[in-house]
Amino acid sequence: MSGLSGPPAQRGPCPLALLLLLLLGPSSVLAISFHLPVNSRKCLREEIHKDLLVTGAYEITDQSGGAGGLRTHLKITDSAGHILYSKEDATKGKFAFTTEDYDMFEVCFESKGTGRIPDQLVILDMKHGVEAKNYEEIAKVEKLKPLEVELRRLEDLSESIVNDFAYMKKREEEMRDTNESTNTRVLYFSIFSMFCLIGLATWQVFYLRRFFKAKKLIE
């Protein structure tokens, strides 16, 4: 019996690569929603690595119907207080910036108004690293095929993983150096304490000897 022949089936992306995408993809996405009471301030903080593109979209639902002059301000800063993005009377929009160093970044929403006003619903979707890149736009600009786009995405993901491991290795070396420095200081302090105790004990022996001689209790 002769079998049917045809073009070989196109193989999909490597299962290991897909697993990495599933495991590491969500870690670079921050999607959250919360209620913001009037005249209150809520901030979200996240640590982000160096030289990463960060993008975000926000939407603030005003349920007051314009009463009370309700206004919401959005501000994104780093640990040094530098303003990376700021929007007065924010309602809906997008933002993007590139980190210059590994740092803690803070996204703050502040509501101001008067009277009894229902809470606002804030929806924030932040992405960084591989997830922040628009591969559809890259494909249009560079005229890439779908498989080439997926390979580009996997390449960027692999680079991100390598950078994460390099950072963890650097942190491990710094912690090891700190531990070794601490152990050396403890050793020196222990030796110094031992010499102090030996010196004190020697002084006590000579002092008691002179005291007993003065009292003529010993020769």
Protein backbone atom coordinates (compact mmCIF):
# COMPACT_ATOMS: atom_id res chain seq x y z
CA MET A 1 0.00 0.00 0.00
CA SER A 2 1.46 3.34 -1.03
CA GLY A 3 1.35 6.18 1.47
CA LEU A 4 0.21 9.69 0.75
CA SER A 5 2.98 12.23 0.25
CA GLY A 6 2.81 15.94 0.64
CA PRO A 7 4.75 18.97 1.80
CA PRO A 8 6.38 18.55 5.21
CA ALA A 9 4.44 20.07 8.06
CA GLN A 10 5.83 23.39 9.30
CA ARG A 11 7.25 23.03 12.76
CA GLY A 12 6.17 25.51 15.35
CA PRO A 13 8.40 27.33 17.81
CA CYS A 14 10.54 25.27 20.15
CA PRO A 15 8.49 23.97 23.12
CA LEU A 16 11.24 25.14 25.50
CA ALA A 17 11.02 28.64 24.09
CA LEU A 18 7.25 28.65 24.50
CA LEU A 19 7.67 27.49 28.09
CA LEU A 20 10.09 30.35 28.75
CA LEU A 21 7.59 32.78 27.27
CA LEU A 22 4.84 31.45 29.54
CA LEU A 23 7.01 31.54 32.64
CA LEU A 24 8.85 34.80 32.13
CA GLY A 25 6.34 36.77 30.09
CA PRO A 26 3.91 37.58 32.94
CA SER A 27 6.78 38.74 35.17
CA SER A 28 7.33 41.81 32.98
CA VAL A 29 3.68 42.86 32.92
CA LEU A 30 1.86 44.79 35.63
CA ALA A 31 -1.90 45.01 35.10
CA ILE A 32 -3.92 46.27 38.04
CA SER A 33 -7.12 48.11 38.85
CA PHE A 34 -8.13 49.83 42.07
CA HIS A 35 -10.49 52.46 43.46
CA LEU A 36 -9.15 55.91 44.24
CA PRO A 37 -11.14 57.91 46.82
CA VAL A 38 -11.38 61.69 46.48
CA ASN A 39 -8.50 63.69 48.01
CA SER A 40 -6.30 60.63 48.32
CA ARG A 41 -3.04 59.39 46.84
CA LYS A 42 -2.06 55.87 45.86
CA CYS A 43 1.34 54.76 44.57
CA LEU A 44 2.67 51.59 43.00
CA ARG A 45 6.37 50.70 43.13
CA GLU A 46 8.35 48.30 40.97
CA GLU A 47 12.05 47.51 40.54
CA ILE A 48 13.16 47.56 36.90
CA HIS A 49 16.53 46.72 35.37
CA LYS A 50 18.80 49.09 33.46
CA ASP A 51 18.24 50.05 29.80
CA LEU A 52 14.73 48.65 29.55
CA LEU A 53 11.83 50.13 27.64
CA VAL A 54 8.82 50.70 29.86
CA THR A 55 5.38 51.35 28.38
CA GLY A 56 2.04 51.78 30.03
CA ALA A 57 -1.59 52.62 29.49
CA TYR A 58 -3.99 54.01 32.05
CA GLU A 59 -7.68 54.78 32.23
CA ILE A 60 -9.48 56.61 35.01
CA THR A 61 -13.25 56.26 35.18
CA ASP A 62 -14.94 59.32 36.65
CA GLN A 63 -18.26 58.31 38.24
CA SER A 64 -19.01 61.77 39.62
CA GLY A 65 -20.40 63.18 36.40
CA GLY A 66 -18.07 66.18 36.64
CA ALA A 67 -19.27 67.20 40.11
CA GLY A 68 -16.94 68.66 42.71
CA GLY A 69 -14.27 69.68 40.21
CA LEU A 70 -12.70 66.24 40.47
CA ARG A 71 -9.21 66.07 38.97
CA THR A 72 -6.68 63.24 39.00
CA HIS A 73 -2.94 63.75 38.58
CA LEU A 74 -0.50 61.07 37.44
CA LYS A 75 3.23 61.20 38.15
CA ILE A 76 6.01 58.64 37.57
CA THR A 77 9.32 59.15 39.39
CA ASP A 78 12.49 57.23 40.21
CA SER A 79 14.10 56.82 43.63
CA ALA A 80 15.95 60.13 43.22
CA GLY A 81 12.70 62.02 42.63
CA HIS A 82 13.27 62.64 38.91
CA ILE A 83 9.99 62.98 37.05
CA LEU A 84 9.78 60.54 34.13
CA TYR A 85 6.16 61.25 33.25
CA SER A 86 3.57 63.66 34.55
CA LYS A 87 -0.01 64.34 33.53
CA GLU A 88 -2.39 66.86 35.07
CA ASP A 89 -6.09 66.06 34.96
CA ALA A 90 -5.36 62.56 33.65
CA THR A 91 -8.24 60.51 32.29
CA LYS A 92 -6.86 58.14 29.67
CA GLY A 93 -3.54 57.86 27.94
CA LYS A 94 -0.23 56.11 27.41
CA PHE A 95 3.36 56.70 28.49
CA ALA A 96 6.79 55.32 27.66
CA PHE A 97 10.34 55.80 28.93
CA THR A 98 13.67 53.96 29.01
CA THR A 99 15.40 53.24 32.31
CA GLU A 100 18.94 54.55 32.74
CA ASP A 101 19.83 52.40 35.74
CA TYR A 102 18.46 49.62 37.91
CA ASP A 103 16.10 51.48 40.19
CA MET A 104 12.81 51.54 42.04
CA PHE A 105 10.15 53.39 40.07
CA GLU A 106 6.96 54.81 41.54
CA VAL A 107 3.66 55.46 39.78
CA CYS A 108 1.38 57.74 41.77
CA PHE A 109 -2.26 58.74 41.23
CA GLU A 110 -3.58 61.68 43.25
CA SER A 111 -7.24 62.70 43.34
CA LYS A 112 -8.44 66.18 44.25
CA GLY A 113 -11.99 67.40 44.57
CA THR A 114 -14.67 68.71 46.90
CA GLY A 115 -17.82 67.21 48.34
CA ARG A 116 -18.96 63.63 48.53
CA ILE A 117 -17.81 62.06 45.28
CA PRO A 118 -17.81 58.35 44.37
CA ASP A 119 -14.43 56.65 44.15
CA GLN A 120 -12.71 56.63 40.80
CA LEU A 121 -11.76 53.37 39.11
CA VAL A 122 -8.13 53.37 37.96
CA ILE A 123 -6.89 50.77 35.47
CA LEU A 124 -3.13 50.59 34.89
CA ASP A 125 -1.32 48.28 32.47
CA MET A 126 2.49 48.49 32.55
CA LYS A 127 4.93 46.48 30.46
CA HIS A 128 8.70 46.45 30.28
CA GLY A 129 11.42 44.57 28.47
CA VAL A 130 10.31 42.16 25.78
CA GLU A 131 6.59 42.68 26.49
CA ALA A 132 6.92 46.45 25.96
CA LYS A 133 8.14 46.12 22.38
CA ASN A 134 5.63 46.41 19.55
CA TYR A 135 6.69 43.51 17.34
CA GLU A 136 3.86 44.15 14.90
CA GLU A 137 5.28 47.60 14.20
CA ILE A 138 8.80 46.16 13.97
CA ALA A 139 7.55 43.59 11.46
CA LYS A 140 6.00 46.31 9.31
CA VAL A 141 9.09 48.51 9.36
CA GLU A 142 11.60 45.71 8.73
CA LYS A 143 9.21 43.65 6.56
CA LEU A 144 9.62 40.50 8.63
CA LYS A 145 7.72 37.27 8.20
CA PRO A 146 5.70 35.86 11.13
CA LEU A 147 8.35 33.24 11.86
CA GLU A 148 11.09 35.88 11.77
CA VAL A 149 9.09 38.03 14.18
CA GLU A 150 8.75 35.09 16.57
CA LEU A 151 12.49 34.43 16.30
CA ARG A 152 13.18 38.11 17.03
CA ARG A 153 10.95 37.88 20.07
CA LEU A 154 12.72 34.76 21.30
CA GLU A 155 16.09 36.40 20.71
CA ASP A 156 15.09 39.40 22.81
CA LEU A 157 13.71 37.09 25.48
CA SER A 158 16.96 35.10 25.56
CA GLU A 159 18.93 38.32 25.88
CA SER A 160 16.69 39.40 28.75
CA ILE A 161 17.25 36.07 30.52
CA VAL A 162 21.02 36.36 30.09
CA ASN A 163 20.95 39.89 31.50
CA ASP A 164 18.90 38.73 34.48
CA PHE A 165 21.37 35.95 35.23
CA ALA A 166 24.29 38.38 34.85
CA TYR A 167 22.64 40.76 37.31
CA MET A 168 21.98 37.94 39.80
CA LYS A 169 25.61 36.83 39.48
CA LYS A 170 26.78 40.38 40.12
CA ARG A 171 24.54 40.66 43.17
CA GLU A 172 25.82 37.30 44.45
CA GLU A 173 29.42 38.51 44.08
CA GLU A 174 28.60 41.73 45.91
CA MET A 175 26.94 39.80 48.74
CA ARG A 176 29.90 37.42 48.95
CA ASP A 177 32.33 40.35 49.13
CA THR A 178 30.20 41.92 51.85
CA ASN A 179 30.13 38.66 53.84
CA GLU A 180 33.88 38.22 53.51
CA SER A 181 34.48 41.81 54.61
CA THR A 182 32.15 41.34 57.60
CA ASN A 183 33.86 38.08 58.57
CA THR A 184 37.28 39.75 58.41
CA ARG A 185 36.13 42.62 60.62
CA VAL A 186 34.61 40.19 63.13
CA LEU A 187 37.87 38.22 63.21
CA TYR A 188 39.95 41.35 63.84
CA PHE A 189 37.54 42.49 66.53
CA SER A 190 37.70 39.07 68.22
CA ILE A 191 41.51 39.15 68.22
CA PHE A 192 41.49 42.69 69.62
CA SER A 193 39.00 41.66 72.33
CA MET A 194 41.16 38.66 73.26
CA PHE A 195 44.27 40.82 73.65
CA CYS A 196 42.26 43.30 75.74
CA LEU A 197 41.09 40.51 78.05
CA ILE A 198 44.62 39.10 78.35
CA GLY A 199 45.97 42.58 79.14
CA LEU A 200 43.24 43.18 81.73
CA ALA A 201 43.85 39.81 83.39
CA THR A 202 47.62 40.50 83.53
CA TRP A 203 47.03 43.93 85.05
CA GLN A 204 44.69 42.43 87.67
CA VAL A 205 47.32 39.84 88.66
CA PHE A 206 50.03 42.45 89.16
CA TYR A 207 47.66 44.82 90.96
CA LEU A 208 46.49 42.14 93.41
CA ARG A 209 50.08 41.03 93.96
CA ARG A 210 51.12 44.58 94.90
CA PHE A 211 48.02 44.95 97.08
CA PHE A 212 48.70 41.77 99.02
CA LYS A 213 52.37 42.72 99.43
CA ALA A 214 51.34 46.11 100.79
CA LYS A 215 49.08 44.38 103.30
CA LYS A 216 51.95 41.97 104.08
CA LEU A 217 49.72 39.02 103.29
CA ILE A 218 52.34 37.51 100.97
CA GLU A 219 56.12 37.78 100.75
